[in-house]
Amino acid sequence: MNRILAPLAAVAIAAPAFAADIIVVSHGQANDPFWSVVKNGVDKAAADTGANVDYRAPETFDMVAMGQLIDAAVNQEPDGLVVSIPDADALGPSIERAVAAGIPVISMNSGADVARGLGALLHVGQDEFDAGKAAGARLAEMGGTKAICVNHEVGNVSLDLRCEGFAEGFGGETTVLPTTNDPAEVAAKVRAALDSDPDIDTVMALGASLAGEPSAEAVKAAGRDEVNVATFDMSAGFLQMVADGDAAFAIDQQQFLQGYLPVVFLNLHAQYGLIPGGDVPSGPNLITADKAAQVVELSAQGIR
């Protein structure tokens, strides 16, 4: 018997009776433009979802202070908690307390390899080792044989993984150059390394504004045009260097998404019990000269 099926009626979703309370705790320092993009993503998600979102971070790279911020967040019993995990040994107990208290946790940016073990629902970010490996392989293809990896935040496990992955992908001789996140110090130390070793032909920076730009400037000041400079993450200034041929490429991990998606996911979880079934890789994407000009404006706006 033939039957005519009636069209499905639209499902009316009532507005939630509450706005989810979500706390974000990151290790990002206030003077790092990278983290301002993450926070822009958090703020946009709060505006789009109507959730009450509180973003917190220590003033310096301080795992004790960050653990205390997570503990304070747990005491407030929010509907969801977003954390970065640059040091699982230091932050793990605080994150596990949140999970034990029944607070849904999503990690972002750092901690992909440890998040599930600590009880996080999922991770939004990139695999730092694999991203470094891809960057190293590309720079080796460009003729690199001897490199320095500029680490501006020593003790951040994610940055250590970037250098380790880079060394494996690069294959040539690699030395880690430790610095602070002061661009003037980065420029001075990179320049000193170049002046002391004419065989260095590659510089891998781990952050665009704080390390990538001053590294490229140091190479130019040293008159070493043959040295290829690349960086993790992006800034309008470094992207312009790539577009102008003064740098090789930037690695985009789309940190706006790292701030935006966890808030959206936790808000949906609080309202409807929905959550993605796995981690969300936000990167890596290599931004070379053919793409750089397209994203300069978005980077200047704090989106890319």
C-alpha atoms as a PDB file:
ATOM      1  CA  MET A   1       0.000   0.000   0.000  1.00  0.00           C
ATOM      2  CA  ASN A   2       1.330   3.406  -0.953  1.00  0.00           C
ATOM      3  CA  ARG A   3       1.544   5.886   1.838  1.00  0.00           C
ATOM      4  CA  ILE A   4       2.235   9.595   1.702  1.00  0.00           C
ATOM      5  CA  LEU A   5       4.527  10.595   4.490  1.00  0.00           C
ATOM      6  CA  ALA A   6       3.779  13.883   6.125  1.00  0.00           C
ATOM      7  CA  PRO A   7       6.721  16.295   6.287  1.00  0.00           C
ATOM      8  CA  LEU A   8       8.589  16.297   9.557  1.00  0.00           C
ATOM      9  CA  ALA A   9       7.528  19.082  11.853  1.00  0.00           C
ATOM     10  CA  ALA A  10      10.188  21.523  12.885  1.00  0.00           C
ATOM     11  CA  VAL A  11      11.477  20.838  16.354  1.00  0.00           C
ATOM     12  CA  ALA A  12      11.055  23.813  18.604  1.00  0.00           C
ATOM     13  CA  ILE A  13      13.949  24.163  21.000  1.00  0.00           C
ATOM     14  CA  ALA A  14      13.049  26.198  24.016  1.00  0.00           C
ATOM     15  CA  ALA A  15      15.504  28.750  25.264  1.00  0.00           C
ATOM     16  CA  PRO A  16      17.483  27.399  28.217  1.00  0.00           C
ATOM     17  CA  ALA A  17      16.285  28.412  31.647  1.00  0.00           C
ATOM     18  CA  PHE A  18      19.828  29.242  32.677  1.00  0.00           C
ATOM     19  CA  ALA A  19      23.091  30.485  31.234  1.00  0.00           C
ATOM     20  CA  ALA A  20      25.928  28.015  31.764  1.00  0.00           C
ATOM     21  CA  ASP A  21      28.747  29.153  34.042  1.00  0.00           C
ATOM     22  CA  ILE A  22      32.100  28.285  32.483  1.00  0.00           C
ATOM     23  CA  ILE A  23      35.584  29.117  33.757  1.00  0.00           C
ATOM     24  CA  VAL A  24      38.643  29.140  31.491  1.00  0.00           C
ATOM     25  CA  VAL A  25      42.105  28.862  33.075  1.00  0.00           C
ATOM     26  CA  SER A  26      45.088  29.181  30.749  1.00  0.00           C
ATOM     27  CA  HIS A  27      48.832  29.573  31.251  1.00  0.00           C
ATOM     28  CA  GLY A  28      48.930  32.446  28.750  1.00  0.00           C
ATOM     29  CA  GLN A  29      50.739  35.567  29.840  1.00  0.00           C
ATOM     30  CA  ALA A  30      49.163  38.952  29.322  1.00  0.00           C
ATOM     31  CA  ASN A  31      52.031  40.257  27.169  1.00  0.00           C
ATOM     32  CA  ASP A  32      51.764  37.386  24.685  1.00  0.00           C
ATOM     33  CA  PRO A  33      49.607  38.358  21.676  1.00  0.00           C
ATOM     34  CA  PHE A  34      48.968  34.674  20.958  1.00  0.00           C
ATOM     35  CA  TRP A  35      46.806  34.406  24.053  1.00  0.00           C
ATOM     36  CA  SER A  36      44.841  37.533  23.255  1.00  0.00           C
ATOM     37  CA  VAL A  37      43.559  35.636  20.193  1.00  0.00           C
ATOM     38  CA  VAL A  38      42.585  32.681  22.401  1.00  0.00           C
ATOM     39  CA  LYS A  39      40.706  35.049  24.689  1.00  0.00           C
ATOM     40  CA  ASN A  40      39.008  36.642  21.673  1.00  0.00           C
ATOM     41  CA  GLY A  41      37.714  33.177  20.824  1.00  0.00           C
ATOM     42  CA  VAL A  42      36.493  32.695  24.388  1.00  0.00           C
ATOM     43  CA  ASP A  43      34.725  36.066  24.342  1.00  0.00           C
ATOM     44  CA  LYS A  44      33.103  35.381  20.972  1.00  0.00           C
ATOM     45  CA  ALA A  45      31.813  32.020  22.182  1.00  0.00           C
ATOM     46  CA  ALA A  46      30.388  33.652  25.307  1.00  0.00           C
ATOM     47  CA  ALA A  47      28.591  36.222  23.175  1.00  0.00           C
ATOM     48  CA  ASP A  48      27.290  33.601  20.732  1.00  0.00           C
ATOM     49  CA  THR A  49      26.036  31.165  23.374  1.00  0.00           C
ATOM     50  CA  GLY A  50      24.986  33.500  26.182  1.00  0.00           C
ATOM     51  CA  ALA A  51      27.138  31.556  28.631  1.00  0.00           C
ATOM     52  CA  ASN A  52      28.716  33.303  31.616  1.00  0.00           C
ATOM     53  CA  VAL A  53      32.437  32.839  30.982  1.00  0.00           C
ATOM     54  CA  ASP A  54      35.298  33.909  33.245  1.00  0.00           C
ATOM     55  CA  TYR A  55      38.809  33.832  31.738  1.00  0.00           C
ATOM     56  CA  ARG A  56      41.749  33.599  34.154  1.00  0.00           C
ATOM     57  CA  ALA A  57      45.533  33.286  33.793  1.00  0.00           C
ATOM     58  CA  PRO A  58      48.590  33.808  36.011  1.00  0.00           C
ATOM     59  CA  GLU A  59      50.633  36.963  35.459  1.00  0.00           C
ATOM     60  CA  THR A  60      53.735  34.927  34.590  1.00  0.00           C
ATOM     61  CA  PHE A  61      54.422  31.336  33.531  1.00  0.00           C
ATOM     62  CA  ASP A  62      53.809  30.002  37.020  1.00  0.00           C
ATOM     63  CA  MET A  63      52.415  26.496  37.479  1.00  0.00           C
ATOM     64  CA  VAL A  64      51.840  26.938  41.207  1.00  0.00           C
ATOM     65  CA  ALA A  65      49.726  30.034  40.566  1.00  0.00           C
ATOM     66  CA  MET A  66      47.888  28.309  37.723  1.00  0.00           C
ATOM     67  CA  GLY A  67      47.099  25.309  39.931  1.00  0.00           C
ATOM     68  CA  GLN A  68      45.686  27.684  42.525  1.00  0.00           C
ATOM     69  CA  LEU A  69      43.476  29.296  39.862  1.00  0.00           C
ATOM     70  CA  ILE A  70      42.134  25.861  38.893  1.00  0.00           C
ATOM     71  CA  ASP A  71      41.501  24.983  42.551  1.00  0.00           C
ATOM     72  CA  ALA A  72      39.625  28.255  43.022  1.00  0.00           C
ATOM     73  CA  ALA A  73      37.545  27.526  39.938  1.00  0.00           C
ATOM     74  CA  VAL A  74      36.638  24.070  41.274  1.00  0.00           C
ATOM     75  CA  ASN A  75      35.451  25.644  44.520  1.00  0.00           C
ATOM     76  CA  GLN A  76      32.996  27.768  42.518  1.00  0.00           C
ATOM     77  CA  GLU A  77      31.374  24.624  41.056  1.00  0.00           C
ATOM     78  CA  PRO A  78      30.953  25.899  37.462  1.00  0.00           C
ATOM     79  CA  ASP A  79      29.031  24.022  34.786  1.00  0.00           C
ATOM     80  CA  GLY A  80      32.274  23.504  32.882  1.00  0.00           C
ATOM     81  CA  LEU A  81      36.003  24.134  33.098  1.00  0.00           C
ATOM     82  CA  VAL A  82      38.473  24.766  30.270  1.00  0.00           C
ATOM     83  CA  VAL A  83      42.189  24.374  31.004  1.00  0.00           C
ATOM     84  CA  SER A  84      45.487  24.381  29.168  1.00  0.00           C
ATOM     85  CA  ILE A  85      47.952  21.772  30.461  1.00  0.00           C
ATOM     86  CA  PRO A  86      51.556  22.862  29.879  1.00  0.00           C
ATOM     87  CA  ASP A  87      52.761  20.767  32.850  1.00  0.00           C
ATOM     88  CA  ALA A  88      50.697  17.707  33.735  1.00  0.00           C
ATOM     89  CA  ASP A  89      52.766  16.860  36.813  1.00  0.00           C
ATOM     90  CA  ALA A  90      52.088  20.271  38.339  1.00  0.00           C
ATOM     91  CA  LEU A  91      48.475  20.728  37.226  1.00  0.00           C
ATOM     92  CA  GLY A  92      47.221  17.141  37.156  1.00  0.00           C
ATOM     93  CA  PRO A  93      46.042  16.971  40.791  1.00  0.00           C
ATOM     94  CA  SER A  94      43.994  20.164  40.429  1.00  0.00           C
ATOM     95  CA  ILE A  95      42.390  18.931  37.196  1.00  0.00           C
ATOM     96  CA  GLU A  96      41.619  15.560  38.758  1.00  0.00           C
ATOM     97  CA  ARG A  97      39.924  17.351  41.672  1.00  0.00           C
ATOM     98  CA  ALA A  98      37.675  19.116  39.177  1.00  0.00           C
ATOM     99  CA  VAL A  99      36.752  15.830  37.523  1.00  0.00           C
ATOM    100  CA  ALA A 100      36.150  14.163  40.901  1.00  0.00           C
ATOM    101  CA  ALA A 101      33.810  17.040  41.796  1.00  0.00           C
ATOM    102  CA  GLY A 102      31.719  16.254  38.726  1.00  0.00           C
ATOM    103  CA  ILE A 103      32.809  19.290  36.733  1.00  0.00           C
ATOM    104  CA  PRO A 104      33.123  18.604  32.968  1.00  0.00           C
ATOM    105  CA  VAL A 105      36.630  19.538  31.817  1.00  0.00           C
ATOM    106  CA  ILE A 106      37.914  20.251  28.306  1.00  0.00           C
ATOM    107  CA  SER A 107      41.598  20.920  27.714  1.00  0.00           C
ATOM    108  CA  MET A 108      42.860  23.237  25.020  1.00  0.00           C
ATOM    109  CA  ASN A 109      46.148  24.298  23.441  1.00  0.00           C
ATOM    110  CA  SER A 110      48.500  22.075  25.448  1.00  0.00           C
ATOM    111  CA  GLY A 111      48.129  18.668  27.025  1.00  0.00           C
ATOM    112  CA  ALA A 112      46.775  16.556  24.171  1.00  0.00           C
ATOM    113  CA  ASP A 113      48.821  13.568  25.305  1.00  0.00           C
ATOM    114  CA  VAL A 114      47.701  13.669  28.952  1.00  0.00           C
ATOM    115  CA  ALA A 115      44.198  15.181  28.916  1.00  0.00           C
ATOM    116  CA  ARG A 116      42.234  11.936  28.717  1.00  0.00           C
ATOM    117  CA  GLY A 117      44.295  10.356  31.463  1.00  0.00           C
ATOM    118  CA  LEU A 118      43.405  13.244  33.757  1.00  0.00           C
ATOM    119  CA  GLY A 119      39.708  12.855  33.015  1.00  0.00           C
ATOM    120  CA  ALA A 120      39.135  15.592  30.423  1.00  0.00           C
ATOM    121  CA  LEU A 121      36.277  14.982  28.013  1.00  0.00           C
ATOM    122  CA  LEU A 122      38.357  15.984  25.009  1.00  0.00           C
ATOM    123  CA  HIS A 123      41.166  18.237  23.803  1.00  0.00           C
ATOM    124  CA  VAL A 124      41.102  21.088  21.293  1.00  0.00           C
ATOM    125  CA  GLY A 125      44.531  21.870  19.854  1.00  0.00           C
ATOM    126  CA  GLN A 126      47.342  20.471  17.764  1.00  0.00           C
ATOM    127  CA  ASP A 127      49.834  17.691  18.380  1.00  0.00           C
ATOM    128  CA  GLU A 128      52.925  19.749  19.152  1.00  0.00           C
ATOM    129  CA  PHE A 129      55.489  17.037  18.390  1.00  0.00           C
ATOM    130  CA  ASP A 130      53.937  16.243  15.008  1.00  0.00           C
ATOM    131  CA  ALA A 131      53.652  19.935  14.173  1.00  0.00           C
ATOM    132  CA  GLY A 132      57.328  20.437  14.979  1.00  0.00           C
ATOM    133  CA  LYS A 133      58.226  17.387  12.925  1.00  0.00           C
ATOM    134  CA  ALA A 134      56.334  18.733   9.905  1.00  0.00           C
ATOM    135  CA  ALA A 135      58.084  22.087  10.244  1.00  0.00           C
ATOM    136  CA  GLY A 136      61.493  20.447  10.520  1.00  0.00           C
ATOM    137  CA  ALA A 137      60.901  18.315   7.459  1.00  0.00           C
ATOM    138  CA  ARG A 138      59.857  21.356   5.410  1.00  0.00           C
ATOM    139  CA  LEU A 139      62.930  23.348   6.476  1.00  0.00           C
ATOM    140  CA  ALA A 140      65.168  20.383   5.651  1.00  0.00           C
ATOM    141  CA  GLU A 141      63.594  20.280   2.187  1.00  0.00           C
ATOM    142  CA  MET A 142      64.569  23.946   1.870  1.00  0.00           C
ATOM    143  CA  GLY A 143      68.208  22.966   2.341  1.00  0.00           C
ATOM    144  CA  GLY A 144      68.659  23.368   6.083  1.00  0.00           C
ATOM    145  CA  THR A 145      71.413  21.373   7.774  1.00  0.00           C
ATOM    146  CA  LYS A 146      72.124  23.202  11.060  1.00  0.00           C
ATOM    147  CA  ALA A 147      69.443  24.872  13.173  1.00  0.00           C
ATOM    148  CA  ILE A 148      68.610  26.585  16.424  1.00  0.00           C
ATOM    149  CA  CYS A 149      65.219  26.140  18.079  1.00  0.00           C
ATOM    150  CA  VAL A 150      64.375  29.276  20.065  1.00  0.00           C
ATOM    151  CA  ASN A 151      62.457  28.351  23.235  1.00  0.00           C
ATOM    152  CA  HIS A 152      61.029  31.487  24.867  1.00  0.00           C
ATOM    153  CA  GLU A 153      59.163  29.660  27.652  1.00  0.00           C
ATOM    154  CA  VAL A 154      61.477  27.044  29.115  1.00  0.00           C
ATOM    155  CA  GLY A 155      59.547  24.525  31.230  1.00  0.00           C
ATOM    156  CA  ASN A 156      56.463  24.548  29.006  1.00  0.00           C
ATOM    157  CA  VAL A 157      56.190  20.896  27.970  1.00  0.00           C
ATOM    158  CA  SER A 158      54.365  21.814  24.760  1.00  0.00           C
ATOM    159  CA  LEU A 159      57.233  24.030  23.626  1.00  0.00           C
ATOM    160  CA  ASP A 160      59.738  21.305  24.503  1.00  0.00           C
ATOM    161  CA  LEU A 161      57.740  18.916  22.312  1.00  0.00           C
ATOM    162  CA  ARG A 162      57.828  21.416  19.460  1.00  0.00           C
ATOM    163  CA  CYS A 163      61.628  21.504  19.566  1.00  0.00           C
ATOM    164  CA  GLU A 164      61.860  17.715  19.897  1.00  0.00           C
ATOM    165  CA  GLY A 165      59.555  17.172  16.928  1.00  0.00           C
ATOM    166  CA  PHE A 166      61.420  19.800  14.938  1.00  0.00           C
ATOM    167  CA  ALA A 167      64.754  18.084  15.596  1.00  0.00           C
ATOM    168  CA  GLU A 168      63.392  14.738  14.406  1.00  0.00           C
ATOM    169  CA  GLY A 169      61.824  16.152  11.264  1.00  0.00           C
ATOM    170  CA  PHE A 170      64.824  18.335  10.454  1.00  0.00           C
ATOM    171  CA  GLY A 171      67.350  15.545  10.712  1.00  0.00           C
ATOM    172  CA  GLY A 172      70.377  17.848  10.827  1.00  0.00           C
ATOM    173  CA  GLU A 173      72.177  19.327  13.816  1.00  0.00           C
ATOM    174  CA  THR A 174      69.794  21.160  16.138  1.00  0.00           C
ATOM    175  CA  THR A 175      70.477  23.200  19.286  1.00  0.00           C
ATOM    176  CA  VAL A 176      67.818  24.566  21.639  1.00  0.00           C
ATOM    177  CA  LEU A 177      68.369  28.262  22.378  1.00  0.00           C
ATOM    178  CA  PRO A 178      66.628  29.154  25.681  1.00  0.00           C
ATOM    179  CA  THR A 179      65.399  32.724  26.128  1.00  0.00           C
ATOM    180  CA  THR A 180      62.705  34.617  28.013  1.00  0.00           C
ATOM    181  CA  ASN A 181      59.655  36.034  26.250  1.00  0.00           C
ATOM    182  CA  ASP A 182      61.340  39.441  25.927  1.00  0.00           C
ATOM    183  CA  PRO A 183      61.688  40.119  22.170  1.00  0.00           C
ATOM    184  CA  ALA A 184      64.832  42.204  22.745  1.00  0.00           C
ATOM    185  CA  GLU A 185      66.511  39.279  24.491  1.00  0.00           C
ATOM    186  CA  VAL A 186      65.412  36.894  21.745  1.00  0.00           C
ATOM    187  CA  ALA A 187      66.893  39.141  19.054  1.00  0.00           C
ATOM    188  CA  ALA A 188      70.155  39.529  20.968  1.00  0.00           C
ATOM    189  CA  LYS A 189      70.579  35.807  21.606  1.00  0.00           C
ATOM    190  CA  VAL A 190      69.722  34.809  18.031  1.00  0.00           C
ATOM    191  CA  ARG A 191      72.132  37.412  16.683  1.00  0.00           C
ATOM    192  CA  ALA A 192      74.871  36.150  19.013  1.00  0.00           C
ATOM    193  CA  ALA A 193      74.271  32.567  17.896  1.00  0.00           C
ATOM    194  CA  LEU A 194      74.471  33.566  14.224  1.00  0.00           C
ATOM    195  CA  ASP A 195      77.610  35.612  14.760  1.00  0.00           C
ATOM    196  CA  SER A 196      79.325  32.762  16.598  1.00  0.00           C
ATOM    197  CA  ASP A 197      78.436  30.042  14.078  1.00  0.00           C
ATOM    198  CA  PRO A 198      78.339  30.797  10.338  1.00  0.00           C
ATOM    199  CA  ASP A 199      77.048  27.272   9.625  1.00  0.00           C
ATOM    200  CA  ILE A 200      73.632  27.959  11.170  1.00  0.00           C
ATOM    201  CA  ASP A 201      71.209  28.122   8.260  1.00  0.00           C
ATOM    202  CA  THR A 202      67.846  27.629  10.000  1.00  0.00           C
ATOM    203  CA  VAL A 203      66.010  29.304  12.896  1.00  0.00           C
ATOM    204  CA  MET A 204      62.863  27.711  14.321  1.00  0.00           C
ATOM    205  CA  ALA A 205      60.934  30.019  16.672  1.00  0.00           C
ATOM    206  CA  LEU A 206      58.080  28.848  18.895  1.00  0.00           C
ATOM    207  CA  GLY A 207      55.954  32.003  18.968  1.00  0.00           C
ATOM    208  CA  ALA A 208      55.422  34.625  16.267  1.00  0.00           C
ATOM    209  CA  SER A 209      55.406  37.991  18.040  1.00  0.00           C
ATOM    210  CA  LEU A 210      57.731  37.212  20.917  1.00  0.00           C
ATOM    211  CA  ALA A 211      60.266  35.038  19.086  1.00  0.00           C
ATOM    212  CA  GLY A 212      59.555  34.790  15.350  1.00  0.00           C
ATOM    213  CA  GLU A 213      59.648  38.489  14.522  1.00  0.00           C
ATOM    214  CA  PRO A 214      62.792  39.286  16.572  1.00  0.00           C
ATOM    215  CA  SER A 215      64.503  36.174  15.149  1.00  0.00           C
ATOM    216  CA  ALA A 216      63.832  37.304  11.581  1.00  0.00           C
ATOM    217  CA  GLU A 217      65.010  40.808  12.456  1.00  0.00           C
ATOM    218  CA  ALA A 218      68.219  39.376  13.950  1.00  0.00           C
ATOM    219  CA  VAL A 219      68.884  37.382  10.793  1.00  0.00           C
ATOM    220  CA  LYS A 220      68.396  40.484   8.680  1.00  0.00           C
ATOM    221  CA  ALA A 221      70.609  42.602  10.956  1.00  0.00           C
ATOM    222  CA  ALA A 222      73.342  39.980  10.736  1.00  0.00           C
ATOM    223  CA  GLY A 223      73.226  40.107   6.938  1.00  0.00           C
ATOM    224  CA  ARG A 224      72.457  36.385   6.775  1.00  0.00           C
ATOM    225  CA  ASP A 225      69.841  36.304   4.029  1.00  0.00           C
ATOM    226  CA  GLU A 226      70.560  32.612   3.425  1.00  0.00           C
ATOM    227  CA  VAL A 227      69.125  31.678   6.848  1.00  0.00           C
ATOM    228  CA  ASN A 228      65.533  30.406   6.784  1.00  0.00           C
ATOM    229  CA  VAL A 229      63.315  31.537   9.669  1.00  0.00           C
ATOM    230  CA  ALA A 230      60.018  29.875  10.560  1.00  0.00           C
ATOM    231  CA  THR A 231      57.769  30.135  13.573  1.00  0.00           C
ATOM    232  CA  PHE A 232      54.916  28.464  15.336  1.00  0.00           C
ATOM    233  CA  ASP A 233      51.793  30.604  15.436  1.00  0.00           C
ATOM    234  CA  MET A 234      51.148  33.850  13.628  1.00  0.00           C
ATOM    235  CA  SER A 235      51.258  37.609  13.945  1.00  0.00           C
ATOM    236  CA  ALA A 236      50.504  40.281  11.376  1.00  0.00           C
ATOM    237  CA  GLY A 237      54.153  41.319  11.472  1.00  0.00           C
ATOM    238  CA  PHE A 238      55.554  37.848  10.871  1.00  0.00           C
ATOM    239  CA  LEU A 239      53.010  37.099   8.166  1.00  0.00           C
ATOM    240  CA  GLN A 240      54.131  40.236   6.369  1.00  0.00           C
ATOM    241  CA  MET A 241      57.719  38.984   6.637  1.00  0.00           C
ATOM    242  CA  VAL A 242      56.634  35.720   5.023  1.00  0.00           C
ATOM    243  CA  ALA A 243      54.769  37.573   2.268  1.00  0.00           C
ATOM    244  CA  ASP A 244      57.839  39.764   1.660  1.00  0.00           C
ATOM    245  CA  GLY A 245      60.184  36.779   1.478  1.00  0.00           C
ATOM    246  CA  ASP A 246      61.989  37.617   4.745  1.00  0.00           C
ATOM    247  CA  ALA A 247      60.732  34.461   6.484  1.00  0.00           C
ATOM    248  CA  ALA A 248      59.845  30.943   5.339  1.00  0.00           C
ATOM    249  CA  PHE A 249      56.480  30.132   6.919  1.00  0.00           C
ATOM    250  CA  ALA A 250      54.329  30.240  10.040  1.00  0.00           C
ATOM    251  CA  ILE A 251      52.537  27.308  11.647  1.00  0.00           C
ATOM    252  CA  ASP A 252      48.896  28.133  12.272  1.00  0.00           C
ATOM    253  CA  GLN A 253      47.213  26.168  15.061  1.00  0.00           C
ATOM    254  CA  GLN A 254      44.088  28.362  14.868  1.00  0.00           C
ATOM    255  CA  GLN A 255      44.129  29.367  18.517  1.00  0.00           C
ATOM    256  CA  PHE A 256      40.885  31.314  18.106  1.00  0.00           C
ATOM    257  CA  LEU A 257      39.205  27.906  17.801  1.00  0.00           C
ATOM    258  CA  GLN A 258      41.023  26.729  20.930  1.00  0.00           C
ATOM    259  CA  GLY A 259      39.273  29.446  22.884  1.00  0.00           C
ATOM    260  CA  TYR A 260      35.963  29.297  21.040  1.00  0.00           C
ATOM    261  CA  LEU A 261      35.119  25.606  20.681  1.00  0.00           C
ATOM    262  CA  PRO A 262      35.555  24.414  24.304  1.00  0.00           C
ATOM    263  CA  VAL A 263      33.136  27.091  25.523  1.00  0.00           C
ATOM    264  CA  VAL A 264      30.580  26.121  22.873  1.00  0.00           C
ATOM    265  CA  PHE A 265      30.996  22.417  23.641  1.00  0.00           C
ATOM    266  CA  LEU A 266      30.641  22.888  27.408  1.00  0.00           C
ATOM    267  CA  ASN A 267      27.615  25.134  26.962  1.00  0.00           C
ATOM    268  CA  LEU A 268      25.927  22.468  24.803  1.00  0.00           C
ATOM    269  CA  HIS A 269      26.882  19.832  27.350  1.00  0.00           C
ATOM    270  CA  ALA A 270      25.353  21.838  30.193  1.00  0.00           C
ATOM    271  CA  GLN A 271      22.112  22.395  28.267  1.00  0.00           C
ATOM    272  CA  TYR A 272      21.613  19.151  26.339  1.00  0.00           C
ATOM    273  CA  GLY A 273      24.284  16.664  27.427  1.00  0.00           C
ATOM    274  CA  LEU A 274      25.954  16.879  24.011  1.00  0.00           C
ATOM    275  CA  ILE A 275      29.700  16.473  23.541  1.00  0.00           C
ATOM    276  CA  PRO A 276      31.895  15.514  20.540  1.00  0.00           C
ATOM    277  CA  GLY A 277      33.147  11.942  20.571  1.00  0.00           C
ATOM    278  CA  GLY A 278      36.830  12.785  20.205  1.00  0.00           C
ATOM    279  CA  ASP A 279      39.552  15.400  20.228  1.00  0.00           C
ATOM    280  CA  VAL A 280      39.448  18.310  17.776  1.00  0.00           C
ATOM    281  CA  PRO A 281      42.749  19.018  15.942  1.00  0.00           C
ATOM    282  CA  SER A 282      42.902  22.763  15.324  1.00  0.00           C
ATOM    283  CA  GLY A 283      46.242  22.537  13.482  1.00  0.00           C
ATOM    284  CA  PRO A 284      48.870  22.491  12.159  1.00  0.00           C
ATOM    285  CA  ASN A 285      48.619  24.444   8.916  1.00  0.00           C
ATOM    286  CA  LEU A 286      51.780  25.818   7.276  1.00  0.00           C
ATOM    287  CA  ILE A 287      51.224  29.398   6.103  1.00  0.00           C
ATOM    288  CA  THR A 288      53.697  30.090   3.301  1.00  0.00           C
ATOM    289  CA  ALA A 289      54.155  33.143   1.087  1.00  0.00           C
ATOM    290  CA  ASP A 290      51.244  32.227  -1.186  1.00  0.00           C
ATOM    291  CA  LYS A 291      48.823  32.275   1.768  1.00  0.00           C
ATOM    292  CA  ALA A 292      50.345  34.839   4.127  1.00  0.00           C
ATOM    293  CA  ALA A 293      48.879  37.975   2.575  1.00  0.00           C
ATOM    294  CA  GLN A 294      45.369  36.494   2.828  1.00  0.00           C
ATOM    295  CA  VAL A 295      45.475  36.186   6.614  1.00  0.00           C
ATOM    296  CA  VAL A 296      47.454  39.296   7.595  1.00  0.00           C
ATOM    297  CA  GLU A 297      44.289  41.354   8.123  1.00  0.00           C
ATOM    298  CA  LEU A 298      42.585  38.636  10.172  1.00  0.00           C
ATOM    299  CA  SER A 299      45.712  38.294  12.300  1.00  0.00           C
ATOM    300  CA  ALA A 300      45.710  42.054  12.912  1.00  0.00           C
ATOM    301  CA  GLN A 301      42.072  41.729  14.031  1.00  0.00           C
ATOM    302  CA  GLY A 302      42.996  39.072  16.591  1.00  0.00           C
ATOM    303  CA  ILE A 303      41.270  36.196  14.819  1.00  0.00           C
ATOM    304  CA  ARG A 304      44.140  34.342  13.101  1.00  0.00           C
END
